[in-house]
Protein backbone atom coordinates (compact mmCIF):
# COMPACT_ATOMS: atom_id res chain seq x y z
CA UNK A 1 7.74 -4.90 -20.05
CA UNK A 2 5.04 -4.49 -17.44
CA UNK A 3 3.04 -7.66 -17.30
CA UNK A 4 -0.09 -8.81 -15.54
CA UNK A 5 -0.90 -12.27 -14.19
CA UNK A 6 0.73 -14.97 -16.28
CA UNK A 7 -1.43 -17.71 -17.84
CA UNK A 8 -1.46 -20.91 -15.77
CA UNK A 9 0.76 -23.80 -16.78
CA UNK A 10 -1.27 -26.67 -18.20
CA UNK A 11 0.10 -30.19 -18.50
CA UNK A 12 -1.64 -33.33 -19.79
CA UNK A 13 -2.13 -35.66 -16.84
CA UNK A 14 -1.88 -39.43 -17.17
CA UNK A 15 -2.80 -42.19 -14.75
CA UNK A 16 0.04 -44.57 -13.86
CA UNK A 17 -1.28 -48.04 -13.07
CA UNK A 18 1.98 -49.81 -12.24
CA UNK A 19 5.41 -49.25 -10.72
CA UNK A 20 6.25 -48.48 -7.12
CA UNK A 21 7.67 -45.04 -7.82
CA UNK A 22 7.28 -42.14 -10.25
CA UNK A 23 9.88 -41.74 -13.00
CA UNK A 24 10.15 -38.35 -14.66
CA UNK A 25 9.42 -36.64 -16.88
CA UNK A 26 5.74 -37.25 -16.25
CA UNK A 27 2.60 -35.57 -14.85
CA UNK A 28 0.21 -37.91 -13.03
CA UNK A 29 -3.32 -37.78 -11.73
CA UNK A 30 -3.83 -38.28 -8.01
CA UNK A 31 -5.39 -41.75 -8.49
CA UNK A 32 -2.13 -43.16 -9.87
CA UNK A 33 -0.80 -46.37 -8.30
CA UNK A 34 2.49 -44.99 -6.82
CA UNK A 35 0.57 -42.57 -4.56
CA UNK A 36 -0.37 -44.24 -1.28
CA UNK A 37 -3.02 -42.63 0.93
CA UNK A 38 -3.41 -42.84 4.69
CA UNK A 39 -6.64 -42.07 6.58
CA UNK A 40 -9.78 -41.43 4.54
CA UNK A 41 -9.62 -39.72 1.16
CA UNK A 42 -11.94 -39.27 -1.78
CA UNK A 43 -9.71 -39.88 -4.80
CA UNK A 44 -10.50 -39.89 -8.49
CA UNK A 45 -9.03 -38.59 -11.73
CA UNK A 46 -10.00 -35.01 -10.76
CA UNK A 47 -7.89 -35.01 -7.60
CA UNK A 48 -7.63 -36.01 -3.96
CA UNK A 49 -9.96 -34.56 -1.31
CA UNK A 50 -9.40 -35.30 2.42
CA UNK A 51 -12.23 -35.99 4.86
CA UNK A 52 -12.88 -33.73 7.84
CA UNK A 53 -11.21 -35.27 10.93
CA UNK A 54 -12.86 -35.52 14.34
CA UNK A 55 -10.66 -32.71 15.69
CA UNK A 56 -9.54 -30.55 12.74
CA UNK A 57 -7.55 -28.18 14.98
CA UNK A 58 -5.41 -30.98 16.38
CA UNK A 59 -5.33 -33.60 13.63
CA UNK A 60 -4.44 -33.37 9.93
CA UNK A 61 -7.16 -33.98 7.38
CA UNK A 62 -5.05 -36.56 5.57
CA UNK A 63 -1.58 -37.86 4.73
CA UNK A 64 -0.11 -39.46 1.62
CA UNK A 65 3.31 -40.61 0.49
CA UNK A 66 5.05 -41.68 -2.69
CA UNK A 67 8.55 -42.03 -4.11
CA UNK A 68 9.98 -40.50 -7.27
CA UNK A 69 13.17 -40.44 -9.32
CA UNK A 70 14.13 -37.19 -10.98
CA UNK A 71 15.09 -33.62 -10.23
CA UNK A 72 12.14 -31.21 -9.89
CA UNK A 73 9.00 -32.27 -8.03
CA UNK A 74 5.81 -30.19 -8.37
CA UNK A 75 2.27 -30.50 -7.05
CA UNK A 76 -0.89 -29.24 -8.73
CA UNK A 77 -2.56 -27.35 -5.86
CA UNK A 78 -6.08 -25.92 -5.80
CA UNK A 79 -5.64 -22.48 -4.25
CA UNK A 80 -8.50 -20.14 -3.45
CA UNK A 81 -10.43 -18.23 -0.84
CA UNK A 82 -10.25 -20.88 1.89
CA UNK A 83 -7.89 -21.65 4.73
CA UNK A 84 -5.82 -24.78 4.53
CA UNK A 85 -2.16 -25.72 4.37
CA UNK A 86 0.22 -28.58 3.78
CA UNK A 87 3.53 -29.90 5.06
CA UNK A 88 5.95 -31.71 2.74
CA UNK A 89 9.09 -33.67 3.58
CA UNK A 90 11.46 -35.29 1.10
CA UNK A 91 13.77 -37.99 2.45
CA UNK A 92 12.85 -36.88 5.97
CA UNK A 93 13.86 -33.26 5.40
CA UNK A 94 11.81 -30.14 4.53
CA UNK A 95 11.00 -29.75 0.83
CA UNK A 96 13.58 -27.20 -0.28
CA UNK A 97 11.36 -25.20 -2.66
CA UNK A 98 8.80 -24.40 0.04
CA UNK A 99 9.14 -21.99 2.96
CA UNK A 100 10.58 -23.59 6.08
CA UNK A 101 9.38 -21.93 9.27
CA UNK A 102 11.30 -22.78 12.47
CA UNK A 103 9.23 -24.71 15.02
CA UNK A 104 6.35 -25.06 12.52
CA UNK A 105 6.26 -28.85 12.46
CA UNK A 106 3.98 -31.49 11.02
CA UNK A 107 1.78 -33.68 13.21
CA UNK A 108 4.63 -36.19 13.55
CA UNK A 109 6.99 -33.52 14.94
CA UNK A 110 9.09 -33.29 11.77
CA UNK A 111 10.46 -30.07 10.28
CA UNK A 112 8.77 -29.71 6.90
CA UNK A 113 8.22 -27.37 4.01
CA UNK A 114 5.05 -25.34 4.53
CA UNK A 115 2.54 -23.71 2.21
CA UNK A 116 -1.02 -22.45 2.50
CA UNK A 117 -3.82 -22.85 -0.02
CA UNK A 118 -5.13 -19.36 0.76
CA UNK A 119 -4.99 -17.18 -2.38
CA UNK A 120 -8.20 -15.14 -2.74
CA UNK A 121 -6.75 -13.08 -5.59
CA UNK A 122 -6.54 -16.21 -7.76
CA UNK A 123 -10.21 -17.18 -7.46
CA UNK A 124 -12.17 -17.45 -10.71
CA UNK A 125 -15.99 -17.74 -10.60
CA UNK A 126 -15.86 -18.36 -6.82
CA UNK A 127 -13.97 -21.63 -7.36
CA UNK A 128 -10.41 -22.63 -6.42
CA UNK A 129 -7.84 -22.46 -9.21
CA UNK A 130 -5.32 -25.23 -9.90
CA UNK A 131 -1.70 -24.04 -9.99
CA UNK A 132 1.51 -25.99 -10.45
CA UNK A 133 3.83 -25.30 -7.52
CA UNK A 134 7.45 -26.58 -7.49
CA UNK A 135 8.11 -27.99 -4.03
CA UNK A 136 11.49 -29.73 -4.22
CA UNK A 137 14.62 -29.92 -6.37
CA UNK A 138 16.80 -32.97 -5.74
CA UNK A 139 20.58 -32.76 -5.83
CA UNK A 140 20.80 -36.36 -7.11
CA UNK A 141 18.21 -36.92 -9.88
CA UNK A 142 19.21 -40.58 -10.26
CA UNK A 143 18.24 -41.56 -6.71
CA UNK A 144 14.76 -42.51 -5.51
CA UNK A 145 13.34 -39.94 -3.05
CA UNK A 146 10.62 -40.53 -0.48
CA UNK A 147 7.94 -37.82 -0.22
CA UNK A 148 5.39 -37.35 2.57
CA UNK A 149 2.55 -34.83 2.16
CA UNK A 150 0.34 -33.84 5.08
CA UNK A 151 -2.84 -31.81 4.47
CA UNK A 152 -4.55 -29.74 7.15
CA UNK A 153 -8.20 -28.68 6.79
CA UNK A 154 -9.07 -28.07 3.08
CA UNK A 155 -11.76 -30.77 2.89
CA UNK A 156 -14.35 -30.20 0.20
CA UNK A 157 -11.88 -28.25 -1.97
CA UNK A 158 -10.00 -31.15 -3.62
CA UNK A 159 -6.70 -29.39 -2.78
CA UNK A 160 -4.41 -31.86 -4.60
CA UNK A 161 -4.97 -32.22 -8.35
CA UNK A 162 -1.75 -33.75 -9.72
CA UNK A 163 1.95 -34.65 -9.30
CA UNK A 164 4.70 -33.81 -11.80
CA UNK A 165 8.35 -34.85 -11.99
CA UNK A 166 10.61 -32.90 -14.37
CA UNK A 167 7.53 -32.01 -16.44
CA UNK A 168 7.20 -28.26 -15.93
CA UNK A 169 8.45 -26.05 -18.76
CA UNK A 170 11.90 -24.59 -18.36
CA UNK A 171 11.99 -21.13 -16.86
CA UNK A 172 12.65 -18.32 -19.31
CA UNK A 173 15.31 -15.70 -18.85
CA UNK A 174 14.33 -13.15 -16.20
CA UNK A 175 13.06 -9.79 -17.41
CA UNK A 176 14.54 -7.65 -14.69
CA UNK A 177 18.00 -7.23 -16.32
CA UNK A 178 16.39 -5.64 -19.38
CA UNK A 179 14.26 -3.38 -17.20
CA UNK A 180 17.38 -2.48 -15.20
CA UNK A 181 19.16 -1.39 -18.38
CA UNK A 182 16.18 0.73 -19.42
CA UNK A 183 16.06 2.39 -16.01
CA UNK A 184 19.80 3.00 -16.14
CA UNK A 185 19.36 4.68 -19.52
CA UNK A 186 16.67 6.94 -18.07
CA UNK A 187 18.97 7.90 -15.20
CA UNK A 188 21.69 8.89 -17.67
CA UNK A 189 19.17 10.96 -19.67
CA UNK A 190 18.02 12.97 -16.66
CA UNK A 191 21.00 15.43 -16.67
CA UNK A 192 20.58 15.97 -20.41
CA UNK A 193 16.85 16.63 -20.02
CA UNK A 194 17.52 19.06 -17.18
CA UNK A 195 19.83 21.08 -19.43
CA UNK A 196 17.38 21.01 -22.35
CA UNK A 197 14.33 21.94 -20.28
CA UNK A 198 14.76 25.75 -20.48
CA UNK A 199 15.10 25.56 -24.27
CA UNK A 200 12.02 23.34 -24.46
CA UNK A 201 10.00 25.83 -22.42
CA UNK A 202 10.95 28.70 -24.76
CA UNK A 203 10.13 27.01 -28.05
CA UNK A 204 8.00 29.27 -30.22
CA UNK A 205 5.63 26.52 -31.28
CA UNK A 206 4.97 25.62 -27.66
CA UNK A 207 4.50 29.25 -26.66
CA UNK A 208 2.05 29.78 -29.51
CA UNK A 209 -0.18 27.15 -27.91
CA UNK A 210 0.65 27.91 -24.30
CA UNK A 211 -0.03 31.66 -24.26
CA UNK A 212 -3.68 31.45 -25.40
CA UNK A 213 -4.34 28.53 -23.04
CA UNK A 214 -2.79 30.37 -20.11
CA UNK A 215 -5.06 33.36 -20.75
CA UNK A 216 -8.10 31.08 -20.51
CA UNK A 217 -6.98 28.66 -17.78
CA UNK A 218 -4.86 31.07 -15.71
CA UNK A 219 -6.79 34.36 -15.87
CA UNK A 220 -5.84 37.27 -13.64
CA UNK A 221 -8.93 36.67 -11.48
CA UNK A 222 -8.26 32.92 -11.23
CA UNK A 223 -5.96 32.90 -8.22
CA UNK A 224 -8.24 34.93 -5.88
CA UNK A 225 -11.23 32.75 -6.79
CA UNK A 226 -9.36 29.43 -6.56
CA UNK A 227 -9.96 28.88 -2.84
CA UNK A 228 -13.77 29.42 -3.03
CA UNK A 229 -13.90 27.18 -6.10
CA UNK A 230 -12.02 24.43 -4.26
CA UNK A 231 -14.39 24.74 -1.29
CA UNK A 232 -17.45 24.40 -3.55
CA UNK A 233 -15.91 21.40 -5.30
CA UNK A 234 -15.06 19.69 -2.02
CA UNK A 235 -18.58 20.19 -0.64
CA UNK A 236 -20.11 18.78 -3.83
CA UNK A 237 -17.85 15.72 -3.70
CA UNK A 238 -18.73 15.06 -0.05
CA UNK A 239 -22.45 15.25 -0.85
CA UNK A 240 -21.98 13.05 -3.91
CA UNK A 241 -20.21 10.35 -1.91
CA UNK A 242 -22.76 10.52 0.89
CA UNK A 243 -25.80 10.40 -1.43
CA UNK A 244 -24.22 8.38 -4.29
CA UNK A 245 -24.78 11.14 -6.87
CA UNK A 246 -22.23 10.62 -9.62
CA UNK A 247 -23.10 13.83 -11.56
CA UNK A 248 -22.31 15.85 -8.44
CA UNK A 249 -18.93 14.09 -8.26
CA UNK A 250 -18.07 15.15 -11.80
CA UNK A 251 -19.11 18.76 -11.15
CA UNK A 252 -17.19 18.82 -7.88
CA UNK A 253 -14.08 17.42 -9.52
CA UNK A 254 -14.37 20.07 -12.24
CA UNK A 255 -14.43 22.90 -9.67
CA UNK A 256 -11.61 21.30 -7.72
CA UNK A 257 -9.50 20.69 -10.83
CA UNK A 258 -9.95 24.28 -12.01
CA UNK A 259 -8.85 25.52 -8.59
CA UNK A 260 -5.91 23.11 -8.71
CA UNK A 261 -4.72 24.52 -12.02
CA UNK A 262 -4.58 27.97 -10.37
CA UNK A 263 -2.94 26.63 -7.21
CA UNK A 264 -1.90 22.95 -7.23
CA UNK A 265 -1.82 22.96 -3.43
CA UNK A 266 -5.62 23.20 -3.36
CA UNK A 267 -6.08 19.89 -5.18
CA UNK A 268 -3.42 18.24 -3.02
CA UNK A 269 -4.98 19.72 0.11
CA UNK A 270 -8.40 18.31 -0.80
CA UNK A 271 -6.76 14.93 -1.35
CA UNK A 272 -5.04 15.10 2.05
CA UNK A 273 -8.34 16.03 3.68
CA UNK A 274 -10.08 12.98 2.22
CA UNK A 275 -7.18 10.56 2.59
CA UNK A 276 -8.27 9.02 5.95
CA UNK A 277 -11.65 8.12 4.40
CA UNK A 278 -10.24 6.10 1.48
CA UNK A 279 -10.74 2.72 3.18
CA UNK A 280 -14.54 3.01 3.28
CA UNK A 281 -15.56 5.54 0.64
CA UNK A 282 -15.05 5.64 -3.14
CA UNK A 283 -15.95 8.34 -5.65
CA UNK A 284 -19.01 7.52 -7.83
CA UNK A 285 -18.15 8.59 -11.38
CA UNK A 286 -20.75 6.78 -13.49
CA UNK A 287 -23.95 4.84 -12.76
CA UNK A 288 -22.85 1.80 -10.80
CA UNK A 289 -19.18 2.72 -11.17
CA UNK A 290 -16.86 4.13 -8.53
CA UNK A 291 -13.11 4.65 -8.30
CA UNK A 292 -10.80 4.82 -5.32
CA UNK A 293 -10.04 8.17 -3.76
CA UNK A 294 -6.29 7.54 -3.86
CA UNK A 295 -6.30 6.82 -7.60
CA UNK A 296 -8.26 9.98 -8.38
CA UNK A 297 -6.18 12.10 -6.03
CA UNK A 298 -2.77 10.96 -7.26
CA UNK A 299 -3.39 10.59 -10.99
CA UNK A 300 -5.54 13.71 -11.16
CA UNK A 301 -2.93 15.60 -9.19
CA UNK A 302 -0.21 14.58 -11.63
CA UNK A 303 -2.25 15.87 -14.59
CA UNK A 304 -3.04 19.15 -12.82
CA UNK A 305 0.57 19.65 -11.73
CA UNK A 306 1.87 19.06 -15.26
CA UNK A 307 -0.73 21.42 -16.69
CA UNK A 308 0.17 24.15 -14.20
CA UNK A 309 3.88 23.70 -14.93
CA UNK A 310 3.25 23.84 -18.68
CA UNK A 311 1.10 26.98 -18.50
CA UNK A 312 2.99 28.84 -15.79
CA UNK A 313 5.80 29.82 -18.16
CA UNK A 314 3.29 31.22 -20.62
CA UNK A 315 1.58 33.19 -17.88
CA UNK A 316 4.91 34.54 -16.67
CA UNK A 317 5.28 36.21 -20.07
CA UNK A 318 2.01 38.12 -19.71
CA UNK A 319 2.28 41.79 -18.68
CA UNK A 320 2.42 42.56 -14.95
CA UNK A 321 2.07 38.93 -13.88
CA UNK A 322 4.67 36.83 -12.19
CA UNK A 323 4.32 33.21 -11.34
CA UNK A 324 6.03 29.92 -12.04
CA UNK A 325 8.30 27.97 -9.76
CA UNK A 326 9.96 30.14 -7.18
CA UNK A 327 13.38 28.72 -6.40
CA UNK A 328 14.40 28.90 -2.78
CA UNK A 329 17.40 27.72 -0.87
CA UNK A 330 17.82 24.03 -0.25
CA UNK A 331 17.39 22.95 -3.87
CA UNK A 332 20.30 20.54 -3.53
CA UNK A 333 18.63 18.78 -0.60
CA UNK A 334 15.40 18.47 -2.58
CA UNK A 335 17.30 17.02 -5.53
CA UNK A 336 19.22 14.51 -3.42
CA UNK A 337 16.13 13.33 -1.55
CA UNK A 338 14.23 13.07 -4.84
CA UNK A 339 17.02 10.99 -6.37
CA UNK A 340 17.02 8.64 -3.35
CA UNK A 341 13.25 8.20 -3.57
CA UNK A 342 13.46 7.55 -7.32
CA UNK A 343 16.18 4.94 -6.72
CA UNK A 344 13.96 3.17 -4.17
CA UNK A 345 11.06 3.12 -6.64
CA UNK A 346 13.30 1.68 -9.37
CA UNK A 347 14.69 -0.98 -7.03
CA UNK A 348 11.16 -1.96 -6.02
CA UNK A 349 10.24 -2.21 -9.71
CA UNK A 350 13.04 -4.71 -10.30
CA UNK A 351 11.90 -6.76 -7.31
CA UNK A 352 8.34 -6.70 -8.62
CA UNK A 353 9.47 -8.19 -11.92
CA UNK A 354 10.59 -11.33 -10.07
CA UNK A 355 7.64 -11.63 -7.68
CA UNK A 356 5.80 -14.93 -7.50
CA UNK A 357 2.35 -13.38 -7.27
CA UNK A 358 2.51 -10.84 -10.06
CA UNK A 359 -0.96 -9.31 -9.69
CA UNK A 360 -0.46 -8.60 -6.00
CA UNK A 361 3.11 -7.39 -6.53
CA UNK A 362 2.15 -4.87 -9.23
CA UNK A 363 -0.67 -3.51 -7.10
CA UNK A 364 1.67 -3.10 -4.15
CA UNK A 365 4.34 -1.41 -6.27
CA UNK A 366 1.79 0.99 -7.73
CA UNK A 367 0.15 1.96 -4.45
CA UNK A 368 3.15 1.86 -2.10
CA UNK A 369 6.08 3.00 -4.26
CA UNK A 370 4.90 4.67 -7.49
CA UNK A 371 2.09 6.68 -5.88
CA UNK A 372 4.41 7.70 -3.06
CA UNK A 373 6.93 9.06 -5.55
CA UNK A 374 4.27 10.90 -7.55
CA UNK A 375 2.81 12.37 -4.37
CA UNK A 376 6.24 13.53 -3.19
CA UNK A 377 6.80 15.22 -6.56
CA UNK A 378 3.43 16.97 -6.32
CA UNK A 379 4.20 18.22 -2.81
CA UNK A 380 7.65 19.44 -3.85
CA UNK A 381 6.27 21.29 -6.86
CA UNK A 382 3.43 22.88 -4.88
CA UNK A 383 5.88 24.05 -2.21
CA UNK A 384 8.38 25.41 -4.73
CA UNK A 385 5.72 27.17 -6.83
CA UNK A 386 4.28 29.13 -3.88
CA UNK A 387 6.67 32.06 -4.03
CA UNK A 388 6.49 35.21 -1.98
CA UNK A 389 5.12 37.24 -4.95
CA UNK A 390 1.94 35.22 -5.33
CA UNK A 391 -1.15 37.04 -4.00
CA UNK A 392 -2.23 34.29 -1.63
CA UNK A 393 -3.81 35.21 1.65
CA UNK A 394 -3.00 31.74 2.89
CA UNK A 395 0.35 30.17 2.05
CA UNK A 396 0.17 26.86 0.21
CA UNK A 397 2.16 25.09 2.90
CA UNK A 398 -0.46 26.09 5.46
CA UNK A 399 -3.21 24.79 3.17
CA UNK A 400 -1.54 21.39 2.90
CA UNK A 401 -0.83 21.08 6.60
CA UNK A 402 -4.24 22.36 7.64
CA UNK A 403 -6.13 20.05 5.29
CA UNK A 404 -4.14 17.03 6.45
CA UNK A 405 -4.73 17.77 10.14
CA UNK A 406 -8.41 18.62 9.58
CA UNK A 407 -9.13 15.29 7.87
CA UNK A 408 -7.43 13.33 10.65
CA UNK A 409 -9.26 15.33 13.33
CA UNK A 410 -12.61 14.65 11.68
CA UNK A 411 -11.90 10.91 11.65
CA UNK A 412 -10.84 11.14 15.31
CA UNK A 413 -14.12 12.88 16.19
CA UNK A 414 -16.06 10.11 14.44
CA UNK A 415 -14.11 7.52 16.44
CA UNK A 416 -14.92 9.31 19.71
CA UNK A 417 -18.59 9.51 18.71
CA UNK A 418 -18.54 5.77 18.02
CA UNK A 419 -17.03 5.16 21.44
CA UNK A 420 -19.70 7.25 23.16
CA UNK A 421 -22.54 5.58 21.23
CA UNK A 422 -21.04 2.08 21.53
CA UNK A 423 -21.02 1.49 17.76
CA UNK A 424 -18.34 0.24 15.35
CA UNK A 425 -16.20 -0.94 18.28
CA UNK A 426 -14.03 -4.04 18.53
CA UNK A 427 -13.90 -6.03 21.76
CA UNK A 428 -10.34 -7.26 22.31
CA UNK A 429 -8.16 -7.95 25.34
CA UNK A 430 -10.88 -6.82 27.71
CA UNK A 431 -11.31 -3.32 26.22
CA UNK A 432 -13.48 -1.60 23.64
CA UNK A 433 -11.31 -0.38 20.76
CA UNK A 434 -12.32 2.37 18.33
CA UNK A 435 -11.66 2.01 14.60
CA UNK A 436 -13.78 4.72 12.90
CA UNK A 437 -13.92 3.91 9.16
CA UNK A 438 -11.13 1.32 9.22
CA UNK A 439 -11.28 -2.44 9.46
CA UNK A 440 -8.88 -2.53 12.40
CA UNK A 441 -8.08 -0.15 15.29
CA UNK A 442 -4.41 -0.54 14.39
CA UNK A 443 -5.03 1.08 10.99
CA UNK A 444 -6.68 4.07 12.65
CA UNK A 445 -3.77 4.35 15.08
CA UNK A 446 -1.21 4.23 12.27
CA UNK A 447 -2.83 7.27 10.65
CA UNK A 448 -3.67 9.37 13.71
CA UNK A 449 -0.31 8.92 15.43
CA UNK A 450 1.38 10.79 12.57
CA UNK A 451 -0.90 13.82 12.68
CA UNK A 452 -0.93 13.78 16.48
CA UNK A 453 2.83 14.30 16.62
CA UNK A 454 2.50 17.31 14.30
CA UNK A 455 -0.35 19.03 16.16
CA UNK A 456 1.40 18.39 19.47
CA UNK A 457 4.54 20.08 18.14
CA UNK A 458 2.48 23.02 16.85
CA UNK A 459 0.72 23.36 20.20
CA UNK A 460 3.96 23.35 22.17
CA UNK A 461 6.39 25.28 20.02
CA UNK A 462 4.51 27.57 17.60
CA UNK A 463 5.01 31.25 18.43
CA UNK A 464 2.06 33.62 18.03
CA UNK A 465 -0.33 30.91 16.83
CA UNK A 466 -3.54 32.31 15.36
CA UNK A 467 -5.78 29.75 17.04
CA UNK A 468 -3.94 28.37 20.11
CA UNK A 469 -7.09 26.95 21.71
CA UNK A 470 -8.00 25.18 18.46
CA UNK A 471 -4.55 23.58 18.35
CA UNK A 472 -4.89 22.39 21.94
CA UNK A 473 -8.38 21.00 21.29
CA UNK A 474 -7.15 19.20 18.16
CA UNK A 475 -4.28 17.70 20.14
CA UNK A 476 -6.62 16.44 22.86
CA UNK A 477 -9.08 14.96 20.35
CA UNK A 478 -6.42 13.07 18.43
CA UNK A 479 -4.62 11.99 21.60
CA UNK A 480 -7.81 10.59 23.13
CA UNK A 481 -8.60 8.71 19.92
CA UNK A 482 -5.11 7.29 19.78
CA UNK A 483 -5.40 5.99 23.34
CA UNK A 484 -8.82 4.44 22.70
CA UNK A 485 -7.46 2.41 19.79
CA UNK A 486 -5.41 0.50 22.40
CA UNK A 487 -2.92 -0.24 19.66
CA UNK A 488 0.22 -1.62 21.29
CA UNK A 489 2.37 -0.62 18.35
CA UNK A 490 1.23 3.00 18.60
CA UNK A 491 1.11 3.30 22.39
CA UNK A 492 4.28 1.38 23.23
CA UNK A 493 6.43 2.27 20.23
CA UNK A 494 5.04 5.08 18.07
CA UNK A 495 4.09 7.52 20.84
CA UNK A 496 7.25 7.06 22.95
CA UNK A 497 9.41 7.66 19.88
CA UNK A 498 7.36 10.73 18.96
CA UNK A 499 7.71 12.11 22.48
CA UNK A 500 11.46 11.47 22.43
CA UNK A 501 11.90 13.27 19.09
CA UNK A 502 9.69 16.18 20.19
CA UNK A 503 11.49 16.47 23.51
CA UNK A 504 14.94 16.49 21.87
CA UNK A 505 13.93 18.89 19.12
CA UNK A 506 12.08 21.12 21.57
CA UNK A 507 15.09 21.24 23.88
CA UNK A 508 17.27 22.53 21.05
CA UNK A 509 14.61 24.88 19.67
CA UNK A 510 13.71 26.50 22.98
CA UNK A 511 17.38 26.83 23.87
CA UNK A 512 18.04 28.63 20.58
CA UNK A 513 15.14 30.98 21.29
CA UNK A 514 16.29 31.59 24.84
CA UNK A 515 12.93 30.46 26.23
CA UNK A 516 12.19 28.35 29.28
CA UNK A 517 12.10 24.59 28.84
CA UNK A 518 9.44 24.04 31.49
CA UNK A 519 6.93 22.82 28.89
CA UNK A 520 9.21 19.89 28.06
CA UNK A 521 9.08 18.64 31.62
CA UNK A 522 5.30 18.93 31.54
CA UNK A 523 5.39 16.85 28.35
CA UNK A 524 7.57 14.21 30.00
CA UNK A 525 5.26 14.08 33.02
CA UNK A 526 2.16 13.69 30.85
CA UNK A 527 3.81 10.89 28.89
CA UNK A 528 4.76 9.09 32.13
CA UNK A 529 1.22 9.37 33.50
CA UNK A 530 -0.23 8.05 30.24
CA UNK A 531 2.15 5.10 30.36
CA UNK A 532 1.17 4.29 33.95
CA UNK A 533 -2.52 4.49 33.06
CA UNK A 534 -2.04 2.02 30.21
CA UNK A 535 -0.05 -0.56 32.19
CA UNK A 536 -3.16 -2.55 33.28
CA UNK A 537 -4.10 -3.05 29.65
C-alpha cells in the first residue's frame, strides 16, 4: 500500500487552428489559436515562455487569456528548481482548484488563484518537469468561461506547456480507506498479541535458539564492559566522520552495537549525543557512500532493542542472573501515552496517503512521525529494562539525559567559538547571529532551548548534585548561545514559557520540600533583566 512518486500523466497534445474557444475533451499545445497572448512571449509547439520585463519585481513577465467550455480545466506546468508563480482567474474570480491567499492579488488588483513553479524535488537531470495541474472545476460545464493567466518571473523555463479541458484521466478510488481498515485490524490484534506474548517467549523452540545466543551475546562480563565498549565505539565514529574513514565507522558501530545489546541505553545515548550534528555530518559506511545519522540511530536502535528483548528472557533463565524488563509503577500511563502516540502516527499515515506531493509526504511521515514513535518506544524500553537489580554504576536514565545535554553543550560551545572568531555567523537585523552547524540560527535555537530548560531545572532544583559547578557552567553556556541566536521565537516565546513552567513547578516542588523559594525570585529577576537587554533588538 505504501507508494512512491506516481508516474506523470501524459496526454497527446494537438494544435487547434480555429474556433474562438476551447471545447473539451481536448488537450492543446500553447500555440493553439484560442490562446491569446499579451506582452512579449516566445510561443511554439513546445510551450510558452515569457520575456523578462524591465522591472520583474513590479511587473508580471506575461499575461494570456482564453475561453473554454467544459468542466475541469488543467494546465501543463513546468515545475522545477526555480522561483516563479502564476495567478489564474476564471470569470473574474479565483480559480477554485488553486490556493487562494487573502490580499495576494494579481497585477490588476484582482483576487486570483495562486501557485508557484518551485518544486526542486521534481527535477530530473537538472531540468524542469512538466506536470498536469487541475486549476478550476466549473459548476456549469455547458457555459463558456473566460480564463486569465498571469505569469511572474519564470522566463527561460517555458513554464506553460499545454492546456486541457476534461481530458485528464478520472481519479481512482482513494487508498486511505483500505489502509484505515488494515490499521484498525492491527489495533484489534494488539490485545490478543499482548496476551499471547508470554506464551511466545516460553516456546521451547525459541528457547533452544535463544539460550545459546544469550550466552554468547549477553555474557556475564558483558554488562560491566558495555560502557567502555560504547566509549571506544563513539570515539571511532567521531574520528571516522572527521577523517572520512568508512572502515572506522563500521568498527565503531560494531563496538557501539555490542554495547547496546548489553544495555540499550548506551546506543540511544550515543544517538542523543550525536543528534545535534545530524544537519551537517553523515556516517561514511562505504567508499563514496554515507548515510544520515538519524537513520542509523533509529533503525539500528530498533534492531538492538528487539535483539535485547528477545535474548533477555533467555538470559533470565541462566543461573544467578536476573535481567529483562523491570516493571515499575505507572505502566498504565506509559500504555495510554503510547496508544495516543500510535494513534497520531496512524492518522498521519492516512493523511500521507492523500498528499499531493507523495515523495515529500512520505519522507515527512517517516522522519517526523514514524521515527518519533520508534524513538519513544526505544526510550520506554530502555527505561523499563533498567531495574534496580542490574549492576550498573550509572543508571540508564542518567546516561540518556547526560548524553543529550552533553551533545547540546558541545554544539553551544562551537557556536560561542564561532562568535568569538567571527566565523559561520549570519548578519541580520543589525546583529551577528550564531548558527553552529545549522543552516539557520533559528534551528540552533530550537534545539538548545529544549536542553537549556532541563539544565536550568537541574541547576536550580537538584538536591545533592554531584557536579553543581558543572551544571551551572552548562546552563550559562547554553543560555549565552541561545541569546546569541537572536531567535525571536525562542527569546520571546520559548524562553518565557520555559521560565513560567519552571517557576510554577519550582514553587510547588520547593513548597513540598519545605525549602525557601528565594531562588525563584532570582530566576524571575534574571528573566526580566534578559528581556530588558533584548528590547533594543
